[in-house]
Amino acid sequence: MPQMMPLFWMMMIITTITLLIICSSYIYFLYLPSLTFNKSKLSPPSYWNWKW
């Protein structure tokens, strides 16, 4: 089935892009509040409650 190979590679590319987006957004939401918290010395945001 040679016609299935482009679909397979397209799904692999889409999966890789999705994983990169998920990992980058996770790192962004994990490290940005701590950086702003250290700089501004304010109370943590409310969405920290479901993580800790």
PDB file of N, CA and C in Angstrom:
ATOM      1  N   MET A   1       0.851  -1.196   0.000  1.00  0.00           N
ATOM      2  CA  MET A   1       0.000   0.000   0.000  1.00  0.00           C
ATOM      3  C   MET A   1       0.887   1.246   0.000  1.00  0.00           C
ATOM      4  N   PRO A   2       1.386   1.633  -1.139  1.00  0.00           N
ATOM      5  CA  PRO A   2       2.268   2.814  -1.154  1.00  0.00           C
ATOM      6  C   PRO A   2       1.528   4.132  -0.963  1.00  0.00           C
ATOM      7  N   GLN A   3       0.228   4.144  -1.202  1.00  0.00           N
ATOM      8  CA  GLN A   3      -0.498   5.400  -1.037  1.00  0.00           C
ATOM      9  C   GLN A   3      -0.722   5.751   0.433  1.00  0.00           C
ATOM     10  N   MET A   4      -0.430   4.817   1.332  1.00  0.00           N
ATOM     11  CA  MET A   4      -0.602   5.115   2.751  1.00  0.00           C
ATOM     12  C   MET A   4       0.612   5.824   3.350  1.00  0.00           C
ATOM     13  N   MET A   5       1.718   5.845   2.643  1.00  0.00           N
ATOM     14  CA  MET A   5       2.924   6.436   3.214  1.00  0.00           C
ATOM     15  C   MET A   5       2.832   7.951   3.385  1.00  0.00           C
ATOM     16  N   PRO A   6       2.311   8.722   2.434  1.00  0.00           N
ATOM     17  CA  PRO A   6       2.182  10.167   2.693  1.00  0.00           C
ATOM     18  C   PRO A   6       1.266  10.469   3.875  1.00  0.00           C
ATOM     19  N   LEU A   7       0.202   9.692   4.013  1.00  0.00           N
ATOM     20  CA  LEU A   7      -0.686   9.908   5.159  1.00  0.00           C
ATOM     21  C   LEU A   7       0.045   9.613   6.464  1.00  0.00           C
ATOM     22  N   PHE A   8       0.852   8.565   6.450  1.00  0.00           N
ATOM     23  CA  PHE A   8       1.609   8.216   7.652  1.00  0.00           C
ATOM     24  C   PHE A   8       2.590   9.322   8.022  1.00  0.00           C
ATOM     25  N   TRP A   9       3.297   9.849   7.026  1.00  0.00           N
ATOM     26  CA  TRP A   9       4.263  10.909   7.330  1.00  0.00           C
ATOM     27  C   TRP A   9       3.562  12.190   7.744  1.00  0.00           C
ATOM     28  N   MET A  10       2.408  12.454   7.166  1.00  0.00           N
ATOM     29  CA  MET A  10       1.666  13.642   7.565  1.00  0.00           C
ATOM     30  C   MET A  10       1.194  13.518   9.013  1.00  0.00           C
ATOM     31  N   MET A  11       0.744  12.341   9.393  1.00  0.00           N
ATOM     32  CA  MET A  11       0.319  12.155  10.781  1.00  0.00           C
ATOM     33  C   MET A  11       1.507  12.225  11.733  1.00  0.00           C
ATOM     34  N   MET A  12       2.660  11.742  11.309  1.00  0.00           N
ATOM     35  CA  MET A  12       3.854  11.849  12.149  1.00  0.00           C
ATOM     36  C   MET A  12       4.254  13.311  12.346  1.00  0.00           C
ATOM     37  N   ILE A  13       4.191  14.099  11.280  1.00  0.00           N
ATOM     38  CA  ILE A  13       4.538  15.516  11.380  1.00  0.00           C
ATOM     39  C   ILE A  13       3.542  16.236  12.276  1.00  0.00           C
ATOM     40  N   ILE A  14       2.258  15.929  12.119  1.00  0.00           N
ATOM     41  CA  ILE A  14       1.230  16.582  12.933  1.00  0.00           C
ATOM     42  C   ILE A  14       1.403  16.200  14.400  1.00  0.00           C
ATOM     43  N   THR A  15       1.724  14.940  14.654  1.00  0.00           N
ATOM     44  CA  THR A  15       1.931  14.508  16.041  1.00  0.00           C
ATOM     45  C   THR A  15       3.149  15.187  16.657  1.00  0.00           C
ATOM     46  N   THR A  16       4.215  15.319  15.882  1.00  0.00           N
ATOM     47  CA  THR A  16       5.414  15.981  16.400  1.00  0.00           C
ATOM     48  C   THR A  16       5.148  17.449  16.699  1.00  0.00           C
ATOM     49  N   ILE A  17       4.435  18.129  15.807  1.00  0.00           N
ATOM     50  CA  ILE A  17       4.124  19.542  16.025  1.00  0.00           C
ATOM     51  C   ILE A  17       3.225  19.700  17.243  1.00  0.00           C
ATOM     52  N   THR A  18       2.259  18.807  17.387  1.00  0.00           N
ATOM     53  CA  THR A  18       1.364  18.891  18.539  1.00  0.00           C
ATOM     54  C   THR A  18       2.116  18.660  19.842  1.00  0.00           C
ATOM     55  N   LEU A  19       3.021  17.698  19.848  1.00  0.00           N
ATOM     56  CA  LEU A  19       3.814  17.449  21.052  1.00  0.00           C
ATOM     57  C   LEU A  19       4.711  18.640  21.376  1.00  0.00           C
ATOM     58  N   LEU A  20       5.284  19.261  20.360  1.00  0.00           N
ATOM     59  CA  LEU A  20       6.121  20.435  20.599  1.00  0.00           C
ATOM     60  C   LEU A  20       5.305  21.583  21.172  1.00  0.00           C
ATOM     61  N   ILE A  21       4.092  21.783  20.650  1.00  0.00           N
ATOM     62  CA  ILE A  21       3.237  22.855  21.151  1.00  0.00           C
ATOM     63  C   ILE A  21       2.840  22.579  22.594  1.00  0.00           C
ATOM     64  N   ILE A  22       2.497  21.335  22.905  1.00  0.00           N
ATOM     65  CA  ILE A  22       2.086  20.993  24.266  1.00  0.00           C
ATOM     66  C   ILE A  22       3.253  21.175  25.235  1.00  0.00           C
ATOM     67  N   CYS A  23       4.434  20.720  24.844  1.00  0.00           N
ATOM     68  CA  CYS A  23       5.593  20.844  25.734  1.00  0.00           C
ATOM     69  C   CYS A  23       5.976  22.304  25.926  1.00  0.00           C
ATOM     70  N   SER A  24       5.950  23.087  24.863  1.00  0.00           N
ATOM     71  CA  SER A  24       6.334  24.487  25.004  1.00  0.00           C
ATOM     72  C   SER A  24       5.317  25.261  25.832  1.00  0.00           C
ATOM     73  N   SER A  25       4.026  24.960  25.661  1.00  0.00           N
ATOM     74  CA  SER A  25       3.020  25.646  26.476  1.00  0.00           C
ATOM     75  C   SER A  25       3.116  25.218  27.936  1.00  0.00           C
ATOM     76  N   TYR A  26       3.450  23.944  28.171  1.00  0.00           N
ATOM     77  CA  TYR A  26       3.610  23.477  29.554  1.00  0.00           C
ATOM     78  C   TYR A  26       4.795  24.171  30.228  1.00  0.00           C
ATOM     79  N   ILE A  27       5.914  24.266  29.501  1.00  0.00           N
ATOM     80  CA  ILE A  27       7.086  24.949  30.059  1.00  0.00           C
ATOM     81  C   ILE A  27       6.776  26.431  30.262  1.00  0.00           C
ATOM     82  N   TYR A  28       6.055  27.025  29.297  1.00  0.00           N
ATOM     83  CA  TYR A  28       5.714  28.439  29.411  1.00  0.00           C
ATOM     84  C   TYR A  28       4.863  28.703  30.649  1.00  0.00           C
ATOM     85  N   PHE A  29       3.818  27.905  30.852  1.00  0.00           N
ATOM     86  CA  PHE A  29       2.936  28.113  32.003  1.00  0.00           C
ATOM     87  C   PHE A  29       3.584  27.671  33.307  1.00  0.00           C
ATOM     88  N   LEU A  30       4.625  26.853  33.225  1.00  0.00           N
ATOM     89  CA  LEU A  30       5.282  26.417  34.452  1.00  0.00           C
ATOM     90  C   LEU A  30       6.325  27.431  34.916  1.00  0.00           C
ATOM     91  N   TYR A  31       7.060  28.017  33.971  1.00  0.00           N
ATOM     92  CA  TYR A  31       8.176  28.871  34.352  1.00  0.00           C
ATOM     93  C   TYR A  31       7.838  30.354  34.353  1.00  0.00           C
ATOM     94  N   LEU A  32       6.896  30.776  33.560  1.00  0.00           N
ATOM     95  CA  LEU A  32       6.585  32.207  33.524  1.00  0.00           C
ATOM     96  C   LEU A  32       5.977  32.719  34.824  1.00  0.00           C
ATOM     97  N   PRO A  33       5.034  32.030  35.474  1.00  0.00           N
ATOM     98  CA  PRO A  33       4.523  32.534  36.758  1.00  0.00           C
ATOM     99  C   PRO A  33       5.603  32.618  37.826  1.00  0.00           C
ATOM    100  N   SER A  34       6.530  31.670  37.865  1.00  0.00           N
ATOM    101  CA  SER A  34       7.583  31.729  38.876  1.00  0.00           C
ATOM    102  C   SER A  34       8.518  32.901  38.606  1.00  0.00           C
ATOM    103  N   LEU A  35       8.774  33.186  37.330  1.00  0.00           N
ATOM    104  CA  LEU A  35       9.630  34.325  37.009  1.00  0.00           C
ATOM    105  C   LEU A  35       8.956  35.639  37.386  1.00  0.00           C
ATOM    106  N   THR A  36       7.697  35.784  37.056  1.00  0.00           N
ATOM    107  CA  THR A  36       6.993  37.012  37.406  1.00  0.00           C
ATOM    108  C   THR A  36       6.787  37.106  38.912  1.00  0.00           C
ATOM    109  N   PHE A  37       6.627  35.961  39.563  1.00  0.00           N
ATOM    110  CA  PHE A  37       6.470  35.972  41.010  1.00  0.00           C
ATOM    111  C   PHE A  37       7.768  36.414  41.687  1.00  0.00           C
ATOM    112  N   ASN A  38       8.897  35.976  41.171  1.00  0.00           N
ATOM    113  CA  ASN A  38      10.173  36.370  41.754  1.00  0.00           C
ATOM    114  C   ASN A  38      10.485  37.842  41.477  1.00  0.00           C
ATOM    115  N   LYS A  39      10.056  38.341  40.341  1.00  0.00           N
ATOM    116  CA  LYS A  39      10.371  39.720  40.003  1.00  0.00           C
ATOM    117  C   LYS A  39       9.459  40.701  40.728  1.00  0.00           C
ATOM    118  N   SER A  40       8.184  40.402  40.786  1.00  0.00           N
ATOM    119  CA  SER A  40       7.235  41.382  41.300  1.00  0.00           C
ATOM    120  C   SER A  40       6.928  41.190  42.777  1.00  0.00           C
ATOM    121  N   LYS A  41       7.228  40.022  43.350  1.00  0.00           N
ATOM    122  CA  LYS A  41       6.984  39.729  44.763  1.00  0.00           C
ATOM    123  C   LYS A  41       5.492  39.834  45.111  1.00  0.00           C
ATOM    124  N   LEU A  42       4.668  39.413  44.180  1.00  0.00           N
ATOM    125  CA  LEU A  42       3.233  39.423  44.426  1.00  0.00           C
ATOM    126  C   LEU A  42       2.781  38.023  44.813  1.00  0.00           C
ATOM    127  N   SER A  43       1.515  37.915  45.131  1.00  0.00           N
ATOM    128  CA  SER A  43       0.977  36.602  45.468  1.00  0.00           C
ATOM    129  C   SER A  43       0.891  35.743  44.207  1.00  0.00           C
ATOM    130  N   PRO A  44       0.954  34.430  44.342  1.00  0.00           N
ATOM    131  CA  PRO A  44       0.872  33.567  43.161  1.00  0.00           C
ATOM    132  C   PRO A  44      -0.503  33.662  42.501  1.00  0.00           C
ATOM    133  N   PRO A  45      -0.556  33.422  41.209  1.00  0.00           N
ATOM    134  CA  PRO A  45      -1.855  33.441  40.520  1.00  0.00           C
ATOM    135  C   PRO A  45      -2.771  32.326  41.007  1.00  0.00           C
ATOM    136  N   SER A  46      -4.019  32.464  40.701  1.00  0.00           N
ATOM    137  CA  SER A  46      -5.005  31.513  41.220  1.00  0.00           C
ATOM    138  C   SER A  46      -4.913  30.166  40.515  1.00  0.00           C
ATOM    139  N   TYR A  47      -4.394  30.127  39.281  1.00  0.00           N
ATOM    140  CA  TYR A  47      -4.342  28.844  38.587  1.00  0.00           C
ATOM    141  C   TYR A  47      -3.175  27.993  39.071  1.00  0.00           C
ATOM    142  N   TRP A  48      -2.399  28.468  40.034  1.00  0.00           N
ATOM    143  CA  TRP A  48      -1.414  27.601  40.677  1.00  0.00           C
ATOM    144  C   TRP A  48      -2.078  26.575  41.588  1.00  0.00           C
ATOM    145  N   ASN A  49      -3.306  26.835  41.988  1.00  0.00           N
ATOM    146  CA  ASN A  49      -3.938  25.989  43.000  1.00  0.00           C
ATOM    147  C   ASN A  49      -4.164  24.572  42.495  1.00  0.00           C
ATOM    148  N   TRP A  50      -4.465  24.415  41.228  1.00  0.00           N
ATOM    149  CA  TRP A  50      -4.733  23.065  40.728  1.00  0.00           C
ATOM    150  C   TRP A  50      -3.440  22.312  40.449  1.00  0.00           C
ATOM    151  N   LYS A  51      -2.304  23.011  40.410  1.00  0.00           N
ATOM    152  CA  LYS A  51      -1.051  22.306  40.154  1.00  0.00           C
ATOM    153  C   LYS A  51      -0.427  21.795  41.442  1.00  0.00           C
ATOM    154  N   TRP A  52      -0.514  22.535  42.531  1.00  0.00           N
ATOM    155  CA  TRP A  52       0.213  22.167  43.745  1.00  0.00           C
ATOM    156  C   TRP A  52      -0.697  21.507  44.761  1.00  0.00           C
TER     157      TRP A  52
END
